[in-house]
Amino acid sequence: MTPQELLDQPEDLYMEAIQTSFFRELLLSQRRDAVARIETLRGDMASLEKAADEVDVALNEQERQSLLSGIDRENHNLRDIKLALDAIDSGEYGWCADTGEKIGLARLLSNPRSLLTVEAKQRREIQSRHQRAA
């Protein structure tokens, strides 16, 4: 099934088996890609050579930090993917974790890891900013 075919389905088929199956496969593909990226980043980190002078040491450390940030980002993606797959397994996928409203196919196609509507996500971000400011 293509994304357009998914969007063309009647509203009453929202998150029925064919749609949840589509998103499960999409998430599993994203998980495989993230794991492959982590393996590549770890390989790149392992291949960093011991530096002979201070400039090389600094450059290697900067590269190492960049690679670690990439690994951290991919691990975060893997956690989000797991949460989305768990939501599929529990029958909650496609419904906002905060409001219970439909997240919508368009949003899920753009980010299959979404567990919140755009509005709920914005509310959480605003609350988070206020808590950090306090």
N, C-alpha and C. Protein backbone atom coordinates (compact mmCIF):
# COMPACT_ATOMS: atom_id res chain seq x y z
N MET A 1 0.85 -1.17 0.00
CA MET A 1 0.00 0.00 0.00
C MET A 1 0.90 1.24 0.00
N THR A 2 0.52 2.21 -0.78
CA THR A 2 1.28 3.46 -0.85
C THR A 2 0.71 4.46 0.16
N PRO A 3 1.49 5.47 0.51
CA PRO A 3 0.95 6.50 1.40
C PRO A 3 -0.33 7.15 0.84
N GLN A 4 -0.37 7.38 -0.47
CA GLN A 4 -1.57 7.99 -1.05
C GLN A 4 -2.78 7.07 -0.94
N GLU A 5 -2.58 5.78 -1.16
CA GLU A 5 -3.68 4.83 -1.01
C GLU A 5 -4.18 4.81 0.44
N LEU A 6 -3.25 4.95 1.35
CA LEU A 6 -3.62 5.01 2.75
C LEU A 6 -4.48 6.24 3.03
N LEU A 7 -4.05 7.38 2.51
CA LEU A 7 -4.79 8.63 2.70
C LEU A 7 -6.16 8.60 2.03
N ASP A 8 -6.29 7.84 0.95
CA ASP A 8 -7.55 7.77 0.21
C ASP A 8 -8.57 6.84 0.85
N GLN A 9 -8.18 6.12 1.89
CA GLN A 9 -9.12 5.19 2.52
C GLN A 9 -10.21 5.95 3.27
N PRO A 10 -11.38 5.33 3.38
CA PRO A 10 -12.48 5.97 4.12
C PRO A 10 -12.10 6.20 5.58
N GLU A 11 -12.64 7.25 6.14
CA GLU A 11 -12.35 7.65 7.53
C GLU A 11 -12.68 6.54 8.53
N ASP A 12 -13.70 5.73 8.24
CA ASP A 12 -14.10 4.70 9.20
C ASP A 12 -13.11 3.53 9.27
N LEU A 13 -12.10 3.53 8.39
CA LEU A 13 -11.06 2.50 8.44
C LEU A 13 -9.84 2.96 9.23
N TYR A 14 -9.95 4.12 9.88
CA TYR A 14 -8.82 4.68 10.63
C TYR A 14 -8.31 3.67 11.66
N MET A 15 -7.05 3.35 11.54
CA MET A 15 -6.30 2.46 12.42
C MET A 15 -6.89 1.05 12.51
N GLU A 16 -7.53 0.65 11.42
CA GLU A 16 -7.91 -0.76 11.31
C GLU A 16 -6.66 -1.54 10.92
N ALA A 17 -6.77 -2.84 10.79
CA ALA A 17 -5.61 -3.72 10.62
C ALA A 17 -4.70 -3.32 9.46
N ILE A 18 -5.26 -2.95 8.32
CA ILE A 18 -4.42 -2.63 7.17
C ILE A 18 -3.56 -1.38 7.44
N GLN A 19 -4.12 -0.40 8.14
CA GLN A 19 -3.36 0.81 8.45
C GLN A 19 -2.31 0.56 9.53
N THR A 20 -2.69 -0.15 10.58
CA THR A 20 -1.70 -0.42 11.62
C THR A 20 -0.58 -1.31 11.08
N SER A 21 -0.90 -2.22 10.18
CA SER A 21 0.12 -3.05 9.55
C SER A 21 1.08 -2.19 8.71
N PHE A 22 0.53 -1.23 7.97
CA PHE A 22 1.35 -0.32 7.18
C PHE A 22 2.34 0.41 8.08
N PHE A 23 1.84 0.97 9.19
CA PHE A 23 2.71 1.73 10.09
C PHE A 23 3.69 0.84 10.84
N ARG A 24 3.29 -0.38 11.18
CA ARG A 24 4.22 -1.31 11.82
C ARG A 24 5.41 -1.56 10.90
N GLU A 25 5.13 -1.84 9.63
CA GLU A 25 6.22 -2.10 8.68
C GLU A 25 7.10 -0.86 8.49
N LEU A 26 6.47 0.30 8.45
CA LEU A 26 7.22 1.55 8.31
C LEU A 26 8.14 1.76 9.52
N LEU A 27 7.61 1.54 10.71
CA LEU A 27 8.40 1.69 11.93
C LEU A 27 9.51 0.65 12.02
N LEU A 28 9.23 -0.57 11.63
CA LEU A 28 10.27 -1.61 11.64
C LEU A 28 11.38 -1.27 10.66
N SER A 29 11.02 -0.70 9.53
CA SER A 29 12.03 -0.26 8.56
C SER A 29 12.87 0.88 9.14
N GLN A 30 12.21 1.82 9.81
CA GLN A 30 12.95 2.92 10.45
C GLN A 30 13.86 2.40 11.54
N ARG A 31 13.41 1.37 12.25
CA ARG A 31 14.26 0.78 13.31
C ARG A 31 15.50 0.13 12.70
N ARG A 32 15.32 -0.60 11.61
CA ARG A 32 16.47 -1.21 10.94
C ARG A 32 17.45 -0.14 10.46
N ASP A 33 16.92 0.93 9.90
CA ASP A 33 17.78 2.03 9.42
C ASP A 33 18.54 2.68 10.57
N ALA A 34 17.87 2.91 11.70
CA ALA A 34 18.52 3.54 12.85
C ALA A 34 19.62 2.65 13.41
N VAL A 35 19.36 1.35 13.50
CA VAL A 35 20.37 0.41 13.99
C VAL A 35 21.58 0.41 13.04
N ALA A 36 21.32 0.43 11.75
CA ALA A 36 22.42 0.47 10.77
C ALA A 36 23.23 1.76 10.92
N ARG A 37 22.55 2.88 11.13
CA ARG A 37 23.27 4.15 11.31
C ARG A 37 24.12 4.12 12.58
N ILE A 38 23.59 3.53 13.65
CA ILE A 38 24.36 3.42 14.89
C ILE A 38 25.60 2.58 14.66
N GLU A 39 25.45 1.47 13.97
CA GLU A 39 26.61 0.60 13.69
C GLU A 39 27.66 1.35 12.87
N THR A 40 27.22 2.13 11.89
CA THR A 40 28.14 2.91 11.08
C THR A 40 28.86 3.95 11.94
N LEU A 41 28.11 4.66 12.78
CA LEU A 41 28.71 5.68 13.65
C LEU A 41 29.70 5.05 14.62
N ARG A 42 29.38 3.89 15.17
CA ARG A 42 30.31 3.21 16.08
C ARG A 42 31.57 2.77 15.34
N GLY A 43 31.39 2.30 14.12
CA GLY A 43 32.56 1.93 13.31
C GLY A 43 33.43 3.13 13.01
N ASP A 44 32.78 4.26 12.70
CA ASP A 44 33.54 5.49 12.45
C ASP A 44 34.30 5.92 13.71
N MET A 45 33.68 5.75 14.86
CA MET A 45 34.34 6.13 16.10
C MET A 45 35.53 5.21 16.38
N ALA A 46 35.35 3.93 16.13
CA ALA A 46 36.44 2.98 16.37
C ALA A 46 37.61 3.23 15.43
N SER A 47 37.33 3.81 14.27
CA SER A 47 38.41 4.02 13.30
C SER A 47 39.17 5.32 13.52
N LEU A 48 38.72 6.13 14.49
CA LEU A 48 39.49 7.35 14.78
C LEU A 48 40.87 6.94 15.28
N GLU A 49 41.89 7.53 14.69
CA GLU A 49 43.26 7.17 15.03
C GLU A 49 43.74 7.94 16.25
N LYS A 50 44.70 7.34 16.92
CA LYS A 50 45.34 8.04 18.02
C LYS A 50 46.08 9.24 17.44
N ALA A 51 45.88 10.38 18.05
CA ALA A 51 46.47 11.61 17.54
C ALA A 51 47.88 11.80 18.10
N ALA A 52 48.74 12.34 17.26
CA ALA A 52 50.13 12.56 17.64
C ALA A 52 50.35 13.93 18.28
N ASP A 53 49.62 14.93 17.82
CA ASP A 53 49.83 16.26 18.40
C ASP A 53 48.53 16.83 18.93
N GLU A 54 48.62 17.97 19.61
CA GLU A 54 47.46 18.56 20.28
C GLU A 54 46.35 18.96 19.33
N VAL A 55 46.70 19.45 18.15
CA VAL A 55 45.69 19.84 17.17
C VAL A 55 44.90 18.62 16.72
N ASP A 56 45.60 17.53 16.43
CA ASP A 56 44.93 16.30 16.03
C ASP A 56 44.07 15.73 17.16
N VAL A 57 44.56 15.84 18.40
CA VAL A 57 43.80 15.38 19.55
C VAL A 57 42.48 16.15 19.63
N ALA A 58 42.55 17.46 19.46
CA ALA A 58 41.36 18.30 19.52
C ALA A 58 40.39 17.98 18.40
N LEU A 59 40.92 17.78 17.21
CA LEU A 59 40.06 17.44 16.06
C LEU A 59 39.39 16.09 16.26
N ASN A 60 40.16 15.13 16.76
CA ASN A 60 39.60 13.80 17.02
C ASN A 60 38.51 13.87 18.09
N GLU A 61 38.74 14.67 19.13
CA GLU A 61 37.74 14.81 20.19
C GLU A 61 36.47 15.46 19.66
N GLN A 62 36.63 16.45 18.80
CA GLN A 62 35.47 17.09 18.20
C GLN A 62 34.70 16.09 17.34
N GLU A 63 35.41 15.29 16.56
CA GLU A 63 34.76 14.27 15.73
C GLU A 63 34.08 13.22 16.60
N ARG A 64 34.75 12.81 17.68
CA ARG A 64 34.19 11.82 18.60
C ARG A 64 32.88 12.34 19.21
N GLN A 65 32.87 13.61 19.63
CA GLN A 65 31.67 14.20 20.20
C GLN A 65 30.54 14.25 19.17
N SER A 66 30.88 14.56 17.94
CA SER A 66 29.88 14.58 16.88
C SER A 66 29.29 13.18 16.66
N LEU A 67 30.15 12.18 16.65
CA LEU A 67 29.69 10.80 16.46
C LEU A 67 28.83 10.36 17.65
N LEU A 68 29.24 10.73 18.87
CA LEU A 68 28.45 10.38 20.05
C LEU A 68 27.08 11.05 20.02
N SER A 69 27.03 12.29 19.55
CA SER A 69 25.74 12.99 19.41
C SER A 69 24.84 12.26 18.41
N GLY A 70 25.43 11.79 17.32
CA GLY A 70 24.66 11.03 16.33
C GLY A 70 24.13 9.74 16.91
N ILE A 71 24.96 9.05 17.68
CA ILE A 71 24.52 7.80 18.31
C ILE A 71 23.40 8.08 19.30
N ASP A 72 23.55 9.15 20.08
CA ASP A 72 22.51 9.52 21.05
C ASP A 72 21.19 9.84 20.34
N ARG A 73 21.27 10.57 19.24
CA ARG A 73 20.07 10.92 18.47
C ARG A 73 19.39 9.65 17.93
N GLU A 74 20.18 8.72 17.42
CA GLU A 74 19.60 7.48 16.89
C GLU A 74 19.01 6.62 18.01
N ASN A 75 19.65 6.61 19.18
CA ASN A 75 19.09 5.86 20.31
C ASN A 75 17.76 6.47 20.75
N HIS A 76 17.66 7.80 20.70
CA HIS A 76 16.40 8.47 21.00
C HIS A 76 15.33 8.05 19.98
N ASN A 77 15.72 8.02 18.71
CA ASN A 77 14.79 7.56 17.66
C ASN A 77 14.33 6.13 17.94
N LEU A 78 15.26 5.26 18.34
CA LEU A 78 14.90 3.88 18.64
C LEU A 78 13.91 3.79 19.80
N ARG A 79 14.10 4.63 20.82
CA ARG A 79 13.14 4.64 21.94
C ARG A 79 11.76 5.07 21.47
N ASP A 80 11.72 6.10 20.63
CA ASP A 80 10.42 6.57 20.11
C ASP A 80 9.76 5.51 19.23
N ILE A 81 10.56 4.83 18.43
CA ILE A 81 10.03 3.77 17.57
C ILE A 81 9.45 2.65 18.43
N LYS A 82 10.16 2.28 19.50
CA LYS A 82 9.67 1.23 20.39
C LYS A 82 8.34 1.64 21.02
N LEU A 83 8.25 2.89 21.46
CA LEU A 83 6.99 3.37 22.04
C LEU A 83 5.84 3.30 21.03
N ALA A 84 6.13 3.67 19.78
CA ALA A 84 5.10 3.61 18.74
C ALA A 84 4.70 2.17 18.45
N LEU A 85 5.67 1.26 18.38
CA LEU A 85 5.35 -0.15 18.16
C LEU A 85 4.56 -0.71 19.34
N ASP A 86 4.90 -0.30 20.55
CA ASP A 86 4.13 -0.73 21.73
C ASP A 86 2.69 -0.22 21.65
N ALA A 87 2.53 1.03 21.16
CA ALA A 87 1.19 1.59 21.00
C ALA A 87 0.39 0.80 19.96
N ILE A 88 1.05 0.36 18.90
CA ILE A 88 0.36 -0.48 17.91
C ILE A 88 -0.10 -1.77 18.58
N ASP A 89 0.81 -2.40 19.35
CA ASP A 89 0.47 -3.66 20.01
C ASP A 89 -0.68 -3.52 21.00
N SER A 90 -0.77 -2.35 21.65
CA SER A 90 -1.82 -2.16 22.65
C SER A 90 -3.11 -1.59 22.05
N GLY A 91 -3.10 -1.29 20.74
CA GLY A 91 -4.29 -0.74 20.09
C GLY A 91 -4.46 0.75 20.29
N GLU A 92 -3.43 1.44 20.80
CA GLU A 92 -3.52 2.87 21.07
C GLU A 92 -2.88 3.72 19.98
N TYR A 93 -2.24 3.09 19.02
CA TYR A 93 -1.53 3.84 17.98
C TYR A 93 -2.52 4.63 17.12
N GLY A 94 -2.13 5.86 16.81
CA GLY A 94 -2.99 6.71 15.99
C GLY A 94 -3.88 7.62 16.79
N TRP A 95 -3.88 7.42 18.10
CA TRP A 95 -4.71 8.21 19.01
C TRP A 95 -3.78 8.96 19.95
N CYS A 96 -4.06 10.21 20.16
CA CYS A 96 -3.21 11.07 21.00
C CYS A 96 -3.16 10.55 22.43
N ALA A 97 -1.97 10.41 22.95
CA ALA A 97 -1.77 9.91 24.32
C ALA A 97 -2.31 10.89 25.36
N ASP A 98 -2.41 12.18 25.02
CA ASP A 98 -2.92 13.18 25.96
C ASP A 98 -4.43 13.38 25.86
N THR A 99 -4.93 13.45 24.65
CA THR A 99 -6.34 13.85 24.45
C THR A 99 -7.25 12.72 23.98
N GLY A 100 -6.67 11.67 23.44
CA GLY A 100 -7.48 10.58 22.88
C GLY A 100 -8.01 10.86 21.49
N GLU A 101 -7.68 12.04 20.94
CA GLU A 101 -8.13 12.39 19.59
C GLU A 101 -7.27 11.68 18.54
N LYS A 102 -7.82 11.60 17.32
CA LYS A 102 -7.06 11.04 16.22
C LYS A 102 -5.84 11.92 15.94
N ILE A 103 -4.70 11.28 15.75
CA ILE A 103 -3.50 12.02 15.39
C ILE A 103 -3.57 12.41 13.92
N GLY A 104 -4.10 11.52 13.11
CA GLY A 104 -4.27 11.79 11.69
C GLY A 104 -3.22 11.11 10.84
N LEU A 105 -3.66 10.61 9.70
CA LEU A 105 -2.75 9.87 8.82
C LEU A 105 -1.63 10.74 8.27
N ALA A 106 -1.95 11.97 7.91
CA ALA A 106 -0.91 12.84 7.34
C ALA A 106 0.23 13.04 8.33
N ARG A 107 -0.10 13.31 9.59
CA ARG A 107 0.95 13.49 10.60
C ARG A 107 1.72 12.19 10.81
N LEU A 108 1.03 11.08 10.87
CA LEU A 108 1.69 9.80 11.09
C LEU A 108 2.58 9.42 9.91
N LEU A 109 2.18 9.81 8.71
CA LEU A 109 3.03 9.53 7.55
C LEU A 109 4.29 10.38 7.59
N SER A 110 4.17 11.62 8.07
CA SER A 110 5.35 12.48 8.14
C SER A 110 6.24 12.10 9.32
N ASN A 111 5.64 11.59 10.40
CA ASN A 111 6.41 11.14 11.55
C ASN A 111 5.67 9.97 12.21
N PRO A 112 5.96 8.75 11.77
CA PRO A 112 5.24 7.59 12.30
C PRO A 112 5.44 7.35 13.79
N ARG A 113 6.42 8.03 14.39
CA ARG A 113 6.68 7.87 15.82
C ARG A 113 5.79 8.78 16.66
N SER A 114 4.98 9.61 16.03
CA SER A 114 4.13 10.56 16.75
C SER A 114 3.10 9.83 17.61
N LEU A 115 3.04 10.23 18.86
CA LEU A 115 2.04 9.69 19.78
C LEU A 115 1.12 10.79 20.29
N LEU A 116 1.33 12.01 19.75
CA LEU A 116 0.54 13.17 20.15
C LEU A 116 0.06 13.93 18.92
N THR A 117 -1.08 14.59 19.04
CA THR A 117 -1.50 15.50 17.98
C THR A 117 -0.54 16.69 17.99
N VAL A 118 -0.57 17.48 16.94
CA VAL A 118 0.28 18.67 16.87
C VAL A 118 -0.02 19.60 18.04
N GLU A 119 -1.29 19.78 18.33
CA GLU A 119 -1.69 20.69 19.42
C GLU A 119 -1.18 20.19 20.77
N ALA A 120 -1.31 18.91 21.03
CA ALA A 120 -0.85 18.35 22.30
C ALA A 120 0.67 18.46 22.41
N LYS A 121 1.37 18.23 21.33
CA LYS A 121 2.83 18.37 21.32
C LYS A 121 3.23 19.81 21.62
N GLN A 122 2.54 20.76 21.01
CA GLN A 122 2.82 22.17 21.26
C GLN A 122 2.56 22.53 22.72
N ARG A 123 1.47 22.03 23.29
CA ARG A 123 1.16 22.29 24.70
C ARG A 123 2.27 21.77 25.60
N ARG A 124 2.75 20.55 25.31
CA ARG A 124 3.83 19.97 26.11
C ARG A 124 5.11 20.81 26.00
N GLU A 125 5.41 21.28 24.80
CA GLU A 125 6.61 22.10 24.61
C GLU A 125 6.50 23.41 25.37
N ILE A 126 5.32 24.03 25.34
CA ILE A 126 5.11 25.28 26.08
C ILE A 126 5.24 25.04 27.58
N GLN A 127 4.65 23.95 28.08
CA GLN A 127 4.76 23.63 29.49
C GLN A 127 6.20 23.37 29.87
N SER A 128 6.93 22.68 29.03
CA SER A 128 8.33 22.38 29.29
C SER A 128 9.16 23.68 29.36
N ARG A 129 8.89 24.61 28.45
CA ARG A 129 9.61 25.90 28.47
C ARG A 129 9.31 26.66 29.75
N HIS A 130 8.04 26.64 30.18
CA HIS A 130 7.65 27.35 31.40
C HIS A 130 8.31 26.71 32.64
N GLN A 131 8.40 25.40 32.64
CA GLN A 131 9.03 24.72 33.78
C GLN A 131 10.52 25.01 33.84
N ARG A 132 11.18 25.08 32.68
CA ARG A 132 12.61 25.40 32.65
C ARG A 132 12.85 26.84 33.09
N ALA A 133 11.93 27.73 32.74
CA ALA A 133 12.08 29.15 33.08
C ALA A 133 11.82 29.39 34.58
N ALA A 134 11.05 28.53 35.19
CA ALA A 134 10.69 28.73 36.61
C ALA A 134 11.82 28.37 37.54
